[in-house]
Amino acid sequence: MARGWGKSVEDQLEEQESKPMPIAAAKREAMLADASRKREQQSLVQQRERILSERTSNPHRRAALMAALEQIEAQLKALGE
């Protein structure tokens, strides 16, 4: 290594790798948030389908199912389906 050079190549690479990359980190956070939102949305859609497929003659059970369906629909609307 020539005189006058302050850091070795290994030190420079290590320093570069340890620096946070704000754009990449922000992009990764956005991707994780989007994936989480999609999983939640998919779960709600599956719950809605299960409720819609149930058949019951019990009026109390039917009322409970309708209340759950309304709540799921509100959550889906909030997620932006």
N, C-alpha and C. Protein backbone atom coordinates (compact mmCIF):
# COMPACT_ATOMS: atom_id res chain seq x y z
N MET A 1 0.85 -1.17 0.00
CA MET A 1 0.00 0.00 0.00
C MET A 1 0.89 1.23 0.00
N ALA A 2 0.53 2.18 -0.79
CA ALA A 2 1.32 3.40 -0.91
C ALA A 2 1.14 4.27 0.32
N ARG A 3 2.21 5.01 0.61
CA ARG A 3 2.13 5.92 1.76
C ARG A 3 1.16 7.06 1.45
N GLY A 4 0.54 7.52 2.50
CA GLY A 4 -0.38 8.63 2.33
C GLY A 4 -1.83 8.19 2.23
N TRP A 5 -2.05 6.93 2.07
CA TRP A 5 -3.41 6.42 2.02
C TRP A 5 -3.84 6.17 3.46
N GLY A 6 -4.98 6.63 3.83
CA GLY A 6 -5.42 6.57 5.22
C GLY A 6 -5.99 5.23 5.63
N LYS A 7 -6.77 4.62 4.80
CA LYS A 7 -7.44 3.39 5.21
C LYS A 7 -7.19 2.28 4.21
N SER A 8 -7.19 1.09 4.72
CA SER A 8 -7.05 -0.05 3.83
C SER A 8 -8.38 -0.27 3.10
N VAL A 9 -8.34 -1.03 2.05
CA VAL A 9 -9.53 -1.32 1.26
C VAL A 9 -10.57 -2.02 2.11
N GLU A 10 -10.13 -2.96 2.96
CA GLU A 10 -11.06 -3.68 3.81
C GLU A 10 -11.79 -2.73 4.76
N ASP A 11 -11.04 -1.78 5.34
CA ASP A 11 -11.66 -0.81 6.24
C ASP A 11 -12.67 0.06 5.50
N GLN A 12 -12.34 0.44 4.28
CA GLN A 12 -13.27 1.26 3.50
C GLN A 12 -14.55 0.50 3.17
N LEU A 13 -14.40 -0.76 2.78
CA LEU A 13 -15.58 -1.57 2.47
C LEU A 13 -16.44 -1.79 3.71
N GLU A 14 -15.79 -2.07 4.82
CA GLU A 14 -16.53 -2.29 6.06
C GLU A 14 -17.29 -1.03 6.47
N GLU A 15 -16.66 0.11 6.34
CA GLU A 15 -17.31 1.37 6.68
C GLU A 15 -18.50 1.64 5.76
N GLN A 16 -18.33 1.35 4.48
CA GLN A 16 -19.39 1.57 3.51
C GLN A 16 -20.59 0.66 3.80
N GLU A 17 -20.34 -0.59 4.16
CA GLU A 17 -21.41 -1.52 4.46
C GLU A 17 -22.14 -1.17 5.74
N SER A 18 -21.44 -0.56 6.69
CA SER A 18 -22.07 -0.24 7.97
C SER A 18 -22.92 1.02 7.90
N LYS A 19 -22.75 1.84 6.87
CA LYS A 19 -23.55 3.04 6.73
C LYS A 19 -24.98 2.66 6.35
N PRO A 20 -25.95 3.24 7.02
CA PRO A 20 -27.33 2.94 6.64
C PRO A 20 -27.67 3.55 5.29
N MET A 21 -28.46 2.84 4.55
CA MET A 21 -28.89 3.33 3.25
C MET A 21 -30.34 3.76 3.40
N PRO A 22 -30.60 5.05 3.60
CA PRO A 22 -31.95 5.50 3.91
C PRO A 22 -32.97 5.18 2.81
N ILE A 23 -32.58 5.24 1.57
CA ILE A 23 -33.54 4.98 0.49
C ILE A 23 -33.91 3.50 0.48
N ALA A 24 -32.92 2.64 0.60
CA ALA A 24 -33.19 1.21 0.59
C ALA A 24 -33.99 0.80 1.83
N ALA A 25 -33.66 1.38 2.98
CA ALA A 25 -34.38 1.06 4.20
C ALA A 25 -35.83 1.52 4.10
N ALA A 26 -36.04 2.70 3.57
CA ALA A 26 -37.41 3.22 3.43
C ALA A 26 -38.19 2.36 2.44
N LYS A 27 -37.54 1.93 1.37
CA LYS A 27 -38.21 1.09 0.38
C LYS A 27 -38.57 -0.26 0.99
N ARG A 28 -37.65 -0.81 1.78
CA ARG A 28 -37.90 -2.10 2.43
C ARG A 28 -39.06 -1.97 3.42
N GLU A 29 -39.08 -0.88 4.19
CA GLU A 29 -40.17 -0.65 5.14
C GLU A 29 -41.51 -0.54 4.41
N ALA A 30 -41.51 0.15 3.28
CA ALA A 30 -42.75 0.30 2.50
C ALA A 30 -43.21 -1.04 1.96
N MET A 31 -42.27 -1.85 1.50
CA MET A 31 -42.62 -3.18 0.98
C MET A 31 -43.17 -4.06 2.08
N LEU A 32 -42.57 -4.00 3.28
CA LEU A 32 -43.06 -4.80 4.40
C LEU A 32 -44.45 -4.36 4.83
N ALA A 33 -44.68 -3.06 4.86
CA ALA A 33 -45.99 -2.53 5.23
C ALA A 33 -47.04 -2.95 4.20
N ASP A 34 -46.67 -2.89 2.93
CA ASP A 34 -47.60 -3.29 1.87
C ASP A 34 -47.92 -4.78 1.96
N ALA A 35 -46.92 -5.59 2.22
CA ALA A 35 -47.14 -7.04 2.35
C ALA A 35 -48.02 -7.33 3.55
N SER A 36 -47.81 -6.63 4.64
CA SER A 36 -48.63 -6.82 5.83
C SER A 36 -50.08 -6.43 5.56
N ARG A 37 -50.27 -5.33 4.85
CA ARG A 37 -51.62 -4.87 4.51
C ARG A 37 -52.31 -5.89 3.61
N LYS A 38 -51.59 -6.43 2.65
CA LYS A 38 -52.17 -7.43 1.75
C LYS A 38 -52.55 -8.70 2.49
N ARG A 39 -51.71 -9.13 3.45
CA ARG A 39 -52.04 -10.32 4.24
C ARG A 39 -53.30 -10.09 5.07
N GLU A 40 -53.38 -8.91 5.67
CA GLU A 40 -54.55 -8.59 6.48
C GLU A 40 -55.81 -8.55 5.60
N GLN A 41 -55.67 -7.95 4.43
CA GLN A 41 -56.80 -7.87 3.50
C GLN A 41 -57.25 -9.26 3.07
N GLN A 42 -56.30 -10.12 2.76
CA GLN A 42 -56.62 -11.49 2.34
C GLN A 42 -57.32 -12.25 3.46
N SER A 43 -56.85 -12.06 4.68
CA SER A 43 -57.48 -12.71 5.83
C SER A 43 -58.93 -12.25 5.99
N LEU A 44 -59.16 -10.96 5.85
CA LEU A 44 -60.52 -10.43 5.97
C LEU A 44 -61.43 -10.95 4.87
N VAL A 45 -60.90 -11.06 3.65
CA VAL A 45 -61.69 -11.59 2.54
C VAL A 45 -62.08 -13.04 2.81
N GLN A 46 -61.15 -13.82 3.33
CA GLN A 46 -61.45 -15.21 3.66
C GLN A 46 -62.50 -15.31 4.76
N GLN A 47 -62.41 -14.44 5.77
CA GLN A 47 -63.41 -14.42 6.83
C GLN A 47 -64.78 -14.06 6.27
N ARG A 48 -64.81 -13.08 5.38
CA ARG A 48 -66.07 -12.67 4.77
C ARG A 48 -66.68 -13.82 3.99
N GLU A 49 -65.86 -14.53 3.21
CA GLU A 49 -66.35 -15.67 2.43
C GLU A 49 -66.89 -16.77 3.33
N ARG A 50 -66.23 -17.02 4.45
CA ARG A 50 -66.69 -18.04 5.38
C ARG A 50 -68.04 -17.66 5.97
N ILE A 51 -68.18 -16.39 6.34
CA ILE A 51 -69.45 -15.94 6.91
C ILE A 51 -70.57 -16.04 5.87
N LEU A 52 -70.27 -15.63 4.65
CA LEU A 52 -71.30 -15.67 3.61
C LEU A 52 -71.70 -17.10 3.26
N SER A 53 -70.82 -18.06 3.47
CA SER A 53 -71.13 -19.45 3.13
C SER A 53 -71.92 -20.16 4.23
N GLU A 54 -71.96 -19.57 5.42
CA GLU A 54 -72.69 -20.22 6.52
C GLU A 54 -74.18 -20.08 6.34
N ARG A 55 -74.89 -21.14 6.67
CA ARG A 55 -76.35 -21.16 6.63
C ARG A 55 -76.85 -21.49 8.04
N THR A 56 -77.78 -20.68 8.51
CA THR A 56 -78.34 -20.94 9.84
C THR A 56 -79.78 -20.46 9.89
N SER A 57 -80.56 -21.14 10.68
CA SER A 57 -81.94 -20.71 10.86
C SER A 57 -82.12 -20.02 12.21
N ASN A 58 -81.10 -20.06 13.04
CA ASN A 58 -81.14 -19.42 14.34
C ASN A 58 -81.02 -17.90 14.16
N PRO A 59 -82.03 -17.13 14.58
CA PRO A 59 -81.99 -15.68 14.36
C PRO A 59 -80.87 -14.99 15.13
N HIS A 60 -80.51 -15.50 16.31
CA HIS A 60 -79.43 -14.89 17.08
C HIS A 60 -78.08 -15.12 16.39
N ARG A 61 -77.91 -16.32 15.90
CA ARG A 61 -76.67 -16.65 15.18
C ARG A 61 -76.57 -15.83 13.90
N ARG A 62 -77.70 -15.70 13.20
CA ARG A 62 -77.72 -14.93 11.96
C ARG A 62 -77.39 -13.45 12.25
N ALA A 63 -77.93 -12.91 13.33
CA ALA A 63 -77.63 -11.52 13.71
C ALA A 63 -76.14 -11.35 14.03
N ALA A 64 -75.58 -12.33 14.72
CA ALA A 64 -74.14 -12.27 15.05
C ALA A 64 -73.30 -12.33 13.78
N LEU A 65 -73.69 -13.18 12.85
CA LEU A 65 -72.96 -13.28 11.59
C LEU A 65 -73.05 -11.98 10.79
N MET A 66 -74.22 -11.37 10.78
CA MET A 66 -74.40 -10.11 10.04
C MET A 66 -73.57 -8.99 10.67
N ALA A 67 -73.52 -8.97 12.00
CA ALA A 67 -72.72 -7.96 12.69
C ALA A 67 -71.23 -8.16 12.37
N ALA A 68 -70.79 -9.40 12.36
CA ALA A 68 -69.39 -9.71 12.03
C ALA A 68 -69.10 -9.33 10.58
N LEU A 69 -70.06 -9.59 9.70
CA LEU A 69 -69.89 -9.25 8.29
C LEU A 69 -69.77 -7.74 8.10
N GLU A 70 -70.60 -6.99 8.80
CA GLU A 70 -70.52 -5.52 8.71
C GLU A 70 -69.18 -5.02 9.20
N GLN A 71 -68.67 -5.61 10.27
CA GLN A 71 -67.37 -5.19 10.82
C GLN A 71 -66.24 -5.51 9.82
N ILE A 72 -66.30 -6.68 9.22
CA ILE A 72 -65.29 -7.06 8.23
C ILE A 72 -65.35 -6.14 7.02
N GLU A 73 -66.55 -5.83 6.57
CA GLU A 73 -66.72 -4.93 5.42
C GLU A 73 -66.13 -3.55 5.74
N ALA A 74 -66.33 -3.07 6.96
CA ALA A 74 -65.78 -1.77 7.36
C ALA A 74 -64.25 -1.81 7.37
N GLN A 75 -63.69 -2.90 7.87
CA GLN A 75 -62.23 -3.04 7.89
C GLN A 75 -61.66 -3.10 6.48
N LEU A 76 -62.34 -3.82 5.61
CA LEU A 76 -61.88 -3.91 4.21
C LEU A 76 -61.94 -2.54 3.54
N LYS A 77 -62.99 -1.81 3.82
CA LYS A 77 -63.12 -0.47 3.23
C LYS A 77 -62.00 0.44 3.74
N ALA A 78 -61.67 0.31 5.01
CA ALA A 78 -60.59 1.12 5.58
C ALA A 78 -59.24 0.76 4.96
N LEU A 79 -59.06 -0.50 4.60
CA LEU A 79 -57.80 -0.94 3.96
C LEU A 79 -57.75 -0.52 2.50
N GLY A 80 -58.90 -0.19 1.95
CA GLY A 80 -58.91 0.29 0.57
C GLY A 80 -59.15 -0.78 -0.46
N GLU A 81 -59.97 -1.74 -0.15
CA GLU A 81 -60.27 -2.79 -1.13
C GLU A 81 -61.02 -2.24 -2.32
